[in-house]
Amino acid sequence: LLPMWDSTLLAYDDRSRIIPEAHRSHVIRRNGDCLAT
């Protein structure tokens, strides 16, 4: 249960290494908020 803005979610240009593309818009909001996952 990772926290908001966990670095693993933000460390890559290709975030599909850990965030499936279908879920990206739910997890990383347009204003930059990154939800707890």
PDB file of all heavy atoms in Angstrom:
ATOM      1  N   LEU A   1       0.866  -1.182   0.000  1.00  0.00           N
ATOM      2  CA  LEU A   1       0.000   0.000   0.000  1.00  0.00           C
ATOM      3  C   LEU A   1       0.902   1.231   0.000  1.00  0.00           C
ATOM      4  O   LEU A   1       1.327   1.713   1.046  1.00  0.00           O
ATOM      5  CB  LEU A   1      -0.919  -0.018   1.222  1.00  0.00           C
ATOM      6  CG  LEU A   1      -1.821  -1.251   1.354  1.00  0.00           C
ATOM      7  CD1 LEU A   1      -2.654  -1.172   2.624  1.00  0.00           C
ATOM      8  CD2 LEU A   1      -2.720  -1.417   0.133  1.00  0.00           C
ATOM      9  N   LEU A   2       1.219   1.730  -1.189  1.00  0.00           N
ATOM     10  CA  LEU A   2       2.183   2.810  -1.328  1.00  0.00           C
ATOM     11  C   LEU A   2       1.548   4.160  -1.024  1.00  0.00           C
ATOM     12  O   LEU A   2       0.351   4.365  -1.252  1.00  0.00           O
ATOM     13  CB  LEU A   2       2.755   2.823  -2.751  1.00  0.00           C
ATOM     14  CG  LEU A   2       3.509   1.580  -3.208  1.00  0.00           C
ATOM     15  CD1 LEU A   2       4.096   1.811  -4.604  1.00  0.00           C
ATOM     16  CD2 LEU A   2       4.603   1.193  -2.225  1.00  0.00           C
ATOM     17  N   PRO A   3       2.353   5.125  -0.554  1.00  0.00           N
ATOM     18  CA  PRO A   3       1.814   6.446  -0.233  1.00  0.00           C
ATOM     19  C   PRO A   3       1.559   7.285  -1.476  1.00  0.00           C
ATOM     20  O   PRO A   3       1.945   6.917  -2.590  1.00  0.00           O
ATOM     21  CB  PRO A   3       2.941   7.072   0.597  1.00  0.00           C
ATOM     22  CG  PRO A   3       4.182   6.450   0.042  1.00  0.00           C
ATOM     23  CD  PRO A   3       3.796   5.022  -0.264  1.00  0.00           C
ATOM     24  N   MET A   4       0.922   8.420  -1.280  1.00  0.00           N
ATOM     25  CA  MET A   4       0.808   9.391  -2.363  1.00  0.00           C
ATOM     26  C   MET A   4       2.213   9.804  -2.806  1.00  0.00           C
ATOM     27  O   MET A   4       3.118   9.948  -1.998  1.00  0.00           O
ATOM     28  CB  MET A   4       0.025  10.618  -1.901  1.00  0.00           C
ATOM     29  CG  MET A   4      -1.444  10.348  -1.612  1.00  0.00           C
ATOM     30  SD  MET A   4      -2.398  11.863  -1.317  1.00  0.00           S
ATOM     31  CE  MET A   4      -2.476  12.569  -2.971  1.00  0.00           C
ATOM     32  N   TRP A   5       2.352   9.976  -4.101  1.00  0.00           N
ATOM     33  CA  TRP A   5       3.610  10.414  -4.718  1.00  0.00           C
ATOM     34  C   TRP A   5       4.777   9.456  -4.433  1.00  0.00           C
ATOM     35  O   TRP A   5       5.927   9.889  -4.381  1.00  0.00           O
ATOM     36  CB  TRP A   5       3.990  11.827  -4.288  1.00  0.00           C
ATOM     37  CG  TRP A   5       3.140  12.900  -4.859  1.00  0.00           C
ATOM     38  CD1 TRP A   5       3.157  13.374  -6.132  1.00  0.00           C
ATOM     39  CD2 TRP A   5       2.126  13.653  -4.187  1.00  0.00           C
ATOM     40  NE1 TRP A   5       2.224  14.364  -6.294  1.00  0.00           N
ATOM     41  CE2 TRP A   5       1.577  14.558  -5.108  1.00  0.00           C
ATOM     42  CE3 TRP A   5       1.638  13.652  -2.881  1.00  0.00           C
ATOM     43  CZ2 TRP A   5       0.561  15.445  -4.780  1.00  0.00           C
ATOM     44  CZ3 TRP A   5       0.620  14.527  -2.552  1.00  0.00           C
ATOM     45  CH2 TRP A   5       0.090  15.413  -3.485  1.00  0.00           C
ATOM     46  N   ASP A   6       4.511   8.174  -4.266  1.00  0.00           N
ATOM     47  CA  ASP A   6       5.646   7.273  -4.071  1.00  0.00           C
ATOM     48  C   ASP A   6       6.582   7.385  -5.273  1.00  0.00           C
ATOM     49  O   ASP A   6       6.152   7.418  -6.427  1.00  0.00           O
ATOM     50  CB  ASP A   6       5.185   5.832  -3.915  1.00  0.00           C
ATOM     51  CG  ASP A   6       6.299   4.943  -3.399  1.00  0.00           C
ATOM     52  OD1 ASP A   6       7.083   4.425  -4.230  1.00  0.00           O
ATOM     53  OD2 ASP A   6       6.424   4.782  -2.179  1.00  0.00           O
ATOM     54  N   SER A   7       7.885   7.428  -4.988  1.00  0.00           N
ATOM     55  CA  SER A   7       8.862   7.687  -6.052  1.00  0.00           C
ATOM     56  C   SER A   7       8.836   6.634  -7.149  1.00  0.00           C
ATOM     57  O   SER A   7       9.154   6.938  -8.306  1.00  0.00           O
ATOM     58  CB  SER A   7      10.270   7.780  -5.460  1.00  0.00           C
ATOM     59  OG  SER A   7      10.392   8.931  -4.657  1.00  0.00           O
ATOM     60  N   THR A   8       8.470   5.389  -6.834  1.00  0.00           N
ATOM     61  CA  THR A   8       8.449   4.367  -7.874  1.00  0.00           C
ATOM     62  C   THR A   8       7.454   4.700  -8.978  1.00  0.00           C
ATOM     63  O   THR A   8       7.628   4.280 -10.121  1.00  0.00           O
ATOM     64  CB  THR A   8       8.093   2.991  -7.295  1.00  0.00           C
ATOM     65  OG1 THR A   8       6.856   3.086  -6.584  1.00  0.00           O
ATOM     66  CG2 THR A   8       9.182   2.491  -6.371  1.00  0.00           C
ATOM     67  N   LEU A   9       6.408   5.458  -8.640  1.00  0.00           N
ATOM     68  CA  LEU A   9       5.391   5.803  -9.628  1.00  0.00           C
ATOM     69  C   LEU A   9       5.825   6.943 -10.532  1.00  0.00           C
ATOM     70  O   LEU A   9       5.230   7.169 -11.585  1.00  0.00           O
ATOM     71  CB  LEU A   9       4.083   6.187  -8.924  1.00  0.00           C
ATOM     72  CG  LEU A   9       3.541   5.194  -7.894  1.00  0.00           C
ATOM     73  CD1 LEU A   9       2.239   5.709  -7.321  1.00  0.00           C
ATOM     74  CD2 LEU A   9       3.354   3.814  -8.506  1.00  0.00           C
ATOM     75  N   LEU A  10       6.853   7.672 -10.132  1.00  0.00           N
ATOM     76  CA  LEU A  10       7.250   8.902 -10.823  1.00  0.00           C
ATOM     77  C   LEU A  10       8.664   8.836 -11.382  1.00  0.00           C
ATOM     78  O   LEU A  10       9.135   9.810 -11.959  1.00  0.00           O
ATOM     79  CB  LEU A  10       7.147  10.078  -9.848  1.00  0.00           C
ATOM     80  CG  LEU A  10       5.774  10.284  -9.203  1.00  0.00           C
ATOM     81  CD1 LEU A  10       5.855  11.324  -8.093  1.00  0.00           C
ATOM     82  CD2 LEU A  10       4.746  10.689 -10.243  1.00  0.00           C
ATOM     83  N   ALA A  11       9.336   7.705 -11.237  1.00  0.00           N
ATOM     84  CA  ALA A  11      10.764   7.627 -11.537  1.00  0.00           C
ATOM     85  C   ALA A  11      11.072   7.310 -12.989  1.00  0.00           C
ATOM     86  O   ALA A  11      12.243   7.294 -13.367  1.00  0.00           O
ATOM     87  CB  ALA A  11      11.420   6.575 -10.641  1.00  0.00           C
ATOM     88  N   TYR A  12      10.055   7.051 -13.811  1.00  0.00           N
ATOM     89  CA  TYR A  12      10.299   6.581 -15.176  1.00  0.00           C
ATOM     90  C   TYR A  12       9.553   7.413 -16.201  1.00  0.00           C
ATOM     91  O   TYR A  12       8.448   7.895 -15.947  1.00  0.00           O
ATOM     92  CB  TYR A  12       9.867   5.115 -15.309  1.00  0.00           C
ATOM     93  CG  TYR A  12      10.589   4.193 -14.357  1.00  0.00           C
ATOM     94  CD1 TYR A  12       9.970   3.749 -13.194  1.00  0.00           C
ATOM     95  CD2 TYR A  12      11.895   3.795 -14.610  1.00  0.00           C
ATOM     96  CE1 TYR A  12      10.631   2.910 -12.308  1.00  0.00           C
ATOM     97  CE2 TYR A  12      12.565   2.965 -13.725  1.00  0.00           C
ATOM     98  CZ  TYR A  12      11.937   2.527 -12.574  1.00  0.00           C
ATOM     99  OH  TYR A  12      12.601   1.719 -11.688  1.00  0.00           O
ATOM    100  N   ASP A  13      10.157   7.521 -17.364  1.00  0.00           N
ATOM    101  CA  ASP A  13       9.448   8.091 -18.507  1.00  0.00           C
ATOM    102  C   ASP A  13       8.368   7.116 -18.956  1.00  0.00           C
ATOM    103  O   ASP A  13       7.242   7.510 -19.259  1.00  0.00           O
ATOM    104  CB  ASP A  13      10.440   8.361 -19.634  1.00  0.00           C
ATOM    105  CG  ASP A  13       9.773   8.974 -20.857  1.00  0.00           C
ATOM    106  OD1 ASP A  13       9.222  10.088 -20.722  1.00  0.00           O
ATOM    107  OD2 ASP A  13       9.801   8.343 -21.926  1.00  0.00           O
ATOM    108  N   ASP A  14       8.691   5.836 -18.984  1.00  0.00           N
ATOM    109  CA  ASP A  14       7.719   4.790 -19.290  1.00  0.00           C
ATOM    110  C   ASP A  14       7.204   4.215 -17.979  1.00  0.00           C
ATOM    111  O   ASP A  14       7.803   3.327 -17.384  1.00  0.00           O
ATOM    112  CB  ASP A  14       8.364   3.691 -20.141  1.00  0.00           C
ATOM    113  CG  ASP A  14       7.384   2.570 -20.480  1.00  0.00           C
ATOM    114  OD1 ASP A  14       6.197   2.678 -20.105  1.00  0.00           O
ATOM    115  OD2 ASP A  14       7.816   1.592 -21.115  1.00  0.00           O
ATOM    116  N   ARG A  15       6.078   4.752 -17.512  1.00  0.00           N
ATOM    117  CA  ARG A  15       5.568   4.366 -16.197  1.00  0.00           C
ATOM    118  C   ARG A  15       4.822   3.045 -16.212  1.00  0.00           C
ATOM    119  O   ARG A  15       4.388   2.572 -15.168  1.00  0.00           O
ATOM    120  CB  ARG A  15       4.703   5.497 -15.636  1.00  0.00           C
ATOM    121  CG  ARG A  15       5.552   6.719 -15.326  1.00  0.00           C
ATOM    122  CD  ARG A  15       4.754   7.904 -14.850  1.00  0.00           C
ATOM    123  NE  ARG A  15       5.658   9.017 -14.553  1.00  0.00           N
ATOM    124  CZ  ARG A  15       5.255  10.258 -14.285  1.00  0.00           C
ATOM    125  NH1 ARG A  15       3.965  10.547 -14.281  1.00  0.00           N
ATOM    126  NH2 ARG A  15       6.130  11.210 -14.026  1.00  0.00           N
ATOM    127  N   SER A  16       4.692   2.433 -17.395  1.00  0.00           N
ATOM    128  CA  SER A  16       4.030   1.132 -17.444  1.00  0.00           C
ATOM    129  C   SER A  16       4.852   0.061 -16.736  1.00  0.00           C
ATOM    130  O   SER A  16       4.355  -1.039 -16.510  1.00  0.00           O
ATOM    131  CB  SER A  16       3.771   0.711 -18.894  1.00  0.00           C
ATOM    132  OG  SER A  16       4.993   0.508 -19.593  1.00  0.00           O
ATOM    133  N   ARG A  17       6.091   0.370 -16.352  1.00  0.00           N
ATOM    134  CA  ARG A  17       6.882  -0.581 -15.560  1.00  0.00           C
ATOM    135  C   ARG A  17       6.166  -0.928 -14.265  1.00  0.00           C
ATOM    136  O   ARG A  17       6.330  -2.016 -13.719  1.00  0.00           O
ATOM    137  CB  ARG A  17       8.251   0.011 -15.233  1.00  0.00           C
ATOM    138  CG  ARG A  17       9.141  -0.939 -14.454  1.00  0.00           C
ATOM    139  CD  ARG A  17      10.478  -0.358 -14.079  1.00  0.00           C
ATOM    140  NE  ARG A  17      11.335  -0.086 -15.211  1.00  0.00           N
ATOM    141  CZ  ARG A  17      12.673  -0.130 -15.172  1.00  0.00           C
ATOM    142  NH1 ARG A  17      13.293  -0.449 -14.044  1.00  0.00           N
ATOM    143  NH2 ARG A  17      13.382   0.155 -16.222  1.00  0.00           N
ATOM    144  N   ILE A  18       5.337   0.004 -13.768  1.00  0.00           N
ATOM    145  CA  ILE A  18       4.639  -0.250 -12.502  1.00  0.00           C
ATOM    146  C   ILE A  18       3.172   0.196 -12.532  1.00  0.00           C
ATOM    147  O   ILE A  18       2.354  -0.316 -11.771  1.00  0.00           O
ATOM    148  CB  ILE A  18       5.386   0.420 -11.332  1.00  0.00           C
ATOM    149  CG1 ILE A  18       4.945  -0.155  -9.989  1.00  0.00           C
ATOM    150  CG2 ILE A  18       5.267   1.931 -11.359  1.00  0.00           C
ATOM    151  CD1 ILE A  18       5.917   0.114  -8.865  1.00  0.00           C
ATOM    152  N   ILE A  19       2.818   1.135 -13.431  1.00  0.00           N
ATOM    153  CA  ILE A  19       1.422   1.581 -13.554  1.00  0.00           C
ATOM    154  C   ILE A  19       0.901   1.164 -14.928  1.00  0.00           C
ATOM    155  O   ILE A  19       1.346   1.719 -15.943  1.00  0.00           O
ATOM    156  CB  ILE A  19       1.275   3.109 -13.432  1.00  0.00           C
ATOM    157  CG1 ILE A  19       1.962   3.650 -12.190  1.00  0.00           C
ATOM    158  CG2 ILE A  19      -0.207   3.499 -13.427  1.00  0.00           C
ATOM    159  CD1 ILE A  19       1.913   5.167 -12.092  1.00  0.00           C
ATOM    160  N   PRO A  20      -0.018   0.211 -15.026  1.00  0.00           N
ATOM    161  CA  PRO A  20      -0.606  -0.094 -16.325  1.00  0.00           C
ATOM    162  C   PRO A  20      -1.201   1.167 -16.950  1.00  0.00           C
ATOM    163  O   PRO A  20      -1.807   1.994 -16.258  1.00  0.00           O
ATOM    164  CB  PRO A  20      -1.699  -1.122 -15.994  1.00  0.00           C
ATOM    165  CG  PRO A  20      -1.218  -1.767 -14.720  1.00  0.00           C
ATOM    166  CD  PRO A  20      -0.536  -0.664 -13.957  1.00  0.00           C
ATOM    167  N   GLU A  21      -1.004   1.318 -18.249  1.00  0.00           N
ATOM    168  CA  GLU A  21      -1.427   2.557 -18.912  1.00  0.00           C
ATOM    169  C   GLU A  21      -2.915   2.844 -18.694  1.00  0.00           C
ATOM    170  O   GLU A  21      -3.316   4.000 -18.569  1.00  0.00           O
ATOM    171  CB  GLU A  21      -1.107   2.475 -20.409  1.00  0.00           C
ATOM    172  CG  GLU A  21      -1.296   3.782 -21.157  1.00  0.00           C
ATOM    173  CD  GLU A  21      -0.461   4.936 -20.605  1.00  0.00           C
ATOM    174  OE1 GLU A  21       0.671   4.687 -20.142  1.00  0.00           O
ATOM    175  OE2 GLU A  21      -0.948   6.088 -20.632  1.00  0.00           O
ATOM    176  N   ALA A  22      -3.718   1.801 -18.628  1.00  0.00           N
ATOM    177  CA  ALA A  22      -5.160   2.003 -18.442  1.00  0.00           C
ATOM    178  C   ALA A  22      -5.487   2.663 -17.113  1.00  0.00           C
ATOM    179  O   ALA A  22      -6.560   3.268 -16.962  1.00  0.00           O
ATOM    180  CB  ALA A  22      -5.878   0.658 -18.546  1.00  0.00           C
ATOM    181  N   HIS A  23      -4.582   2.567 -16.137  1.00  0.00           N
ATOM    182  CA  HIS A  23      -4.851   3.107 -14.803  1.00  0.00           C
ATOM    183  C   HIS A  23      -4.175   4.456 -14.563  1.00  0.00           C
ATOM    184  O   HIS A  23      -4.420   5.087 -13.532  1.00  0.00           O
ATOM    185  CB  HIS A  23      -4.366   2.130 -13.725  1.00  0.00           C
ATOM    186  CG  HIS A  23      -4.923   0.754 -13.853  1.00  0.00           C
ATOM    187  ND1 HIS A  23      -6.132   0.486 -14.459  1.00  0.00           N
ATOM    188  CD2 HIS A  23      -4.436  -0.459 -13.426  1.00  0.00           C
ATOM    189  CE1 HIS A  23      -6.373  -0.812 -14.417  1.00  0.00           C
ATOM    190  NE2 HIS A  23      -5.362  -1.407 -13.808  1.00  0.00           N
ATOM    191  N   ARG A  24      -3.338   4.862 -15.471  1.00  0.00           N
ATOM    192  CA  ARG A  24      -2.496   6.036 -15.205  1.00  0.00           C
ATOM    193  C   ARG A  24      -3.309   7.288 -14.902  1.00  0.00           C
ATOM    194  O   ARG A  24      -3.008   8.025 -13.964  1.00  0.00           O
ATOM    195  CB  ARG A  24      -1.559   6.278 -16.393  1.00  0.00           C
ATOM    196  CG  ARG A  24      -0.635   7.461 -16.207  1.00  0.00           C
ATOM    197  CD  ARG A  24       0.433   7.470 -17.269  1.00  0.00           C
ATOM    198  NE  ARG A  24       1.226   8.688 -17.228  1.00  0.00           N
ATOM    199  CZ  ARG A  24       2.380   8.842 -17.847  1.00  0.00           C
ATOM    200  NH1 ARG A  24       2.872   7.859 -18.570  1.00  0.00           N
ATOM    201  NH2 ARG A  24       3.037   9.969 -17.778  1.00  0.00           N
ATOM    202  N   SER A  25      -4.365   7.538 -15.678  1.00  0.00           N
ATOM    203  CA  SER A  25      -5.139   8.772 -15.462  1.00  0.00           C
ATOM    204  C   SER A  25      -5.907   8.745 -14.156  1.00  0.00           C
ATOM    205  O   SER A  25      -6.231   9.795 -13.598  1.00  0.00           O
ATOM    206  CB  SER A  25      -6.102   9.002 -16.631  1.00  0.00           C
ATOM    207  OG  SER A  25      -7.053   7.944 -16.715  1.00  0.00           O
ATOM    208  N   HIS A  26      -6.219   7.544 -13.634  1.00  0.00           N
ATOM    209  CA  HIS A  26      -6.877   7.461 -12.328  1.00  0.00           C
ATOM    210  C   HIS A  26      -5.895   7.735 -11.200  1.00  0.00           C
ATOM    211  O   HIS A  26      -6.260   8.316 -10.173  1.00  0.00           O
ATOM    212  CB  HIS A  26      -7.492   6.065 -12.131  1.00  0.00           C
ATOM    213  CG  HIS A  26      -8.617   5.762 -13.052  1.00  0.00           C
ATOM    214  ND1 HIS A  26      -9.708   6.587 -13.208  1.00  0.00           N
ATOM    215  CD2 HIS A  26      -8.833   4.697 -13.881  1.00  0.00           C
ATOM    216  CE1 HIS A  26     -10.546   6.062 -14.079  1.00  0.00           C
ATOM    217  NE2 HIS A  26     -10.037   4.919 -14.505  1.00  0.00           N
ATOM    218  N   VAL A  27      -4.651   7.312 -11.376  1.00  0.00           N
ATOM    219  CA  VAL A  27      -3.652   7.414 -10.305  1.00  0.00           C
ATOM    220  C   VAL A  27      -2.982   8.784 -10.293  1.00  0.00           C
ATOM    221  O   VAL A  27      -2.796   9.390  -9.226  1.00  0.00           O
ATOM    222  CB  VAL A  27      -2.591   6.302 -10.474  1.00  0.00           C
ATOM    223  CG1 VAL A  27      -1.439   6.500  -9.496  1.00  0.00           C
ATOM    224  CG2 VAL A  27      -3.234   4.939 -10.277  1.00  0.00           C
ATOM    225  N   ILE A  28      -2.593   9.275 -11.453  1.00  0.00           N
ATOM    226  CA  ILE A  28      -1.885  10.567 -11.556  1.00  0.00           C
ATOM    227  C   ILE A  28      -2.864  11.562 -12.157  1.00  0.00           C
ATOM    228  O   ILE A  28      -3.196  11.514 -13.343  1.00  0.00           O
ATOM    229  CB  ILE A  28      -0.613  10.439 -12.409  1.00  0.00           C
ATOM    230  CG1 ILE A  28       0.319   9.394 -11.798  1.00  0.00           C
ATOM    231  CG2 ILE A  28       0.096  11.794 -12.499  1.00  0.00           C
ATOM    232  CD1 ILE A  28       1.561   9.107 -12.607  1.00  0.00           C
ATOM    233  N   ARG A  29      -3.339  12.489 -11.319  1.00  0.00           N
ATOM    234  CA  ARG A  29      -4.385  13.412 -11.737  1.00  0.00           C
ATOM    235  C   ARG A  29      -3.796  14.563 -12.546  1.00  0.00           C
ATOM    236  O   ARG A  29      -2.588  14.811 -12.533  1.00  0.00           O
ATOM    237  CB  ARG A  29      -5.141  13.942 -10.510  1.00  0.00           C
ATOM    238  CG  ARG A  29      -5.578  12.885  -9.523  1.00  0.00           C
ATOM    239  CD  ARG A  29      -6.404  11.765 -10.146  1.00  0.00           C
ATOM    240  NE  ARG A  29      -7.625  12.246 -10.789  1.00  0.00           N
ATOM    241  CZ  ARG A  29      -8.635  11.467 -11.172  1.00  0.00           C
ATOM    242  NH1 ARG A  29      -8.555  10.161 -10.963  1.00  0.00           N
ATOM    243  NH2 ARG A  29      -9.694  11.972 -11.759  1.00  0.00           N
ATOM    244  N   ARG A  30      -4.649  15.270 -13.244  1.00  0.00           N
ATOM    245  CA  ARG A  30      -4.163  16.323 -14.149  1.00  0.00           C
ATOM    246  C   ARG A  30      -3.396  17.421 -13.432  1.00  0.00           C
ATOM    247  O   ARG A  30      -2.526  18.067 -14.008  1.00  0.00           O
ATOM    248  CB  ARG A  30      -5.338  16.928 -14.921  1.00  0.00           C
ATOM    249  CG  ARG A  30      -5.905  16.009 -15.986  1.00  0.00           C
ATOM    250  CD  ARG A  30      -6.972  16.707 -16.800  1.00  0.00           C
ATOM    251  NE  ARG A  30      -7.488  15.843 -17.867  1.00  0.00           N
ATOM    252  CZ  ARG A  30      -8.424  16.224 -18.737  1.00  0.00           C
ATOM    253  NH1 ARG A  30      -8.958  17.443 -18.628  1.00  0.00           N
ATOM    254  NH2 ARG A  30      -8.836  15.398 -19.669  1.00  0.00           N
ATOM    255  N   ASN A  31      -3.725  17.673 -12.178  1.00  0.00           N
ATOM    256  CA  ASN A  31      -3.027  18.731 -11.437  1.00  0.00           C
ATOM    257  C   ASN A  31      -1.721  18.240 -10.822  1.00  0.00           C
ATOM    258  O   ASN A  31      -1.047  18.985 -10.111  1.00  0.00           O
ATOM    259  CB  ASN A  31      -3.930  19.314 -10.343  1.00  0.00           C
ATOM    260  CG  ASN A  31      -4.135  18.344  -9.190  1.00  0.00           C
ATOM    261  OD1 ASN A  31      -3.950  17.135  -9.343  1.00  0.00           O
ATOM    262  ND2 ASN A  31      -4.525  18.869  -8.037  1.00  0.00           N
ATOM    263  N   GLY A  32      -1.361  16.969 -11.057  1.00  0.00           N
ATOM    264  CA  GLY A  32      -0.120  16.424 -10.516  1.00  0.00           C
ATOM    265  C   GLY A  32      -0.294  15.589  -9.263  1.00  0.00           C
ATOM    266  O   GLY A  32       0.654  14.928  -8.836  1.00  0.00           O
ATOM    267  N   ASP A  33      -1.480  15.617  -8.635  1.00  0.00           N
ATOM    268  CA  ASP A  33      -1.695  14.757  -7.474  1.00  0.00           C
ATOM    269  C   ASP A  33      -1.518  13.297  -7.900  1.00  0.00           C
ATOM    270  O   ASP A  33      -2.005  12.875  -8.959  1.00  0.00           O
ATOM    271  CB  ASP A  33      -3.101  14.936  -6.907  1.00  0.00           C
ATOM    272  CG  ASP A  33      -3.253  16.229  -6.126  1.00  0.00           C
ATOM    273  OD1 ASP A  33      -2.243  16.897  -5.890  1.00  0.00           O
ATOM    274  OD2 ASP A  33      -4.402  16.574  -5.766  1.00  0.00           O
ATOM    275  N   CYS A  34      -0.831  12.534  -7.075  1.00  0.00           N
ATOM    276  CA  CYS A  34      -0.561  11.125  -7.350  1.00  0.00           C
ATOM    277  C   CYS A  34      -1.111  10.323  -6.177  1.00  0.00           C
ATOM    278  O   CYS A  34      -0.605  10.427  -5.059  1.00  0.00           O
ATOM    279  CB  CYS A  34       0.948  10.910  -7.513  1.00  0.00           C
ATOM    280  SG  CYS A  34       1.410   9.230  -7.924  1.00  0.00           S
ATOM    281  N   LEU A  35      -2.166   9.574  -6.415  1.00  0.00           N
ATOM    282  CA  LEU A  35      -2.909   8.944  -5.331  1.00  0.00           C
ATOM    283  C   LEU A  35      -2.136   7.799  -4.689  1.00  0.00           C
ATOM    284  O   LEU A  35      -1.197   7.251  -5.263  1.00  0.00           O
ATOM    285  CB  LEU A  35      -4.254   8.444  -5.846  1.00  0.00           C
ATOM    286  CG  LEU A  35      -5.175   9.492  -6.492  1.00  0.00           C
ATOM    287  CD1 LEU A  35      -6.547   8.891  -6.761  1.00  0.00           C
ATOM    288  CD2 LEU A  35      -5.308  10.739  -5.630  1.00  0.00           C
ATOM    289  N   ALA A  36      -2.545   7.461  -3.472  1.00  0.00           N
ATOM    290  CA  ALA A  36      -1.969   6.318  -2.759  1.00  0.00           C
ATOM    291  C   ALA A  36      -2.439   5.042  -3.439  1.00  0.00           C
ATOM    292  O   ALA A  36      -3.637   4.865  -3.692  1.00  0.00           O
ATOM    293  CB  ALA A  36      -2.408   6.342  -1.298  1.00  0.00           C
ATOM    294  N   THR A  37      -1.507   4.136  -3.751  1.00  0.00           N
ATOM    295  CA  THR A  37      -1.814   3.021  -4.632  1.00  0.00           C
ATOM    296  C   THR A  37      -1.675   1.664  -3.952  1.00  0.00           C
ATOM    297  O   THR A  37      -0.959   1.507  -2.971  1.00  0.00           O
ATOM    298  CB  THR A  37      -0.899   3.047  -5.869  1.00  0.00           C
ATOM    299  OG1 THR A  37       0.457   3.157  -5.438  1.00  0.00           O
ATOM    300  CG2 THR A  37      -1.248   4.204  -6.776  1.00  0.00           C
TER     301      THR A  37
END
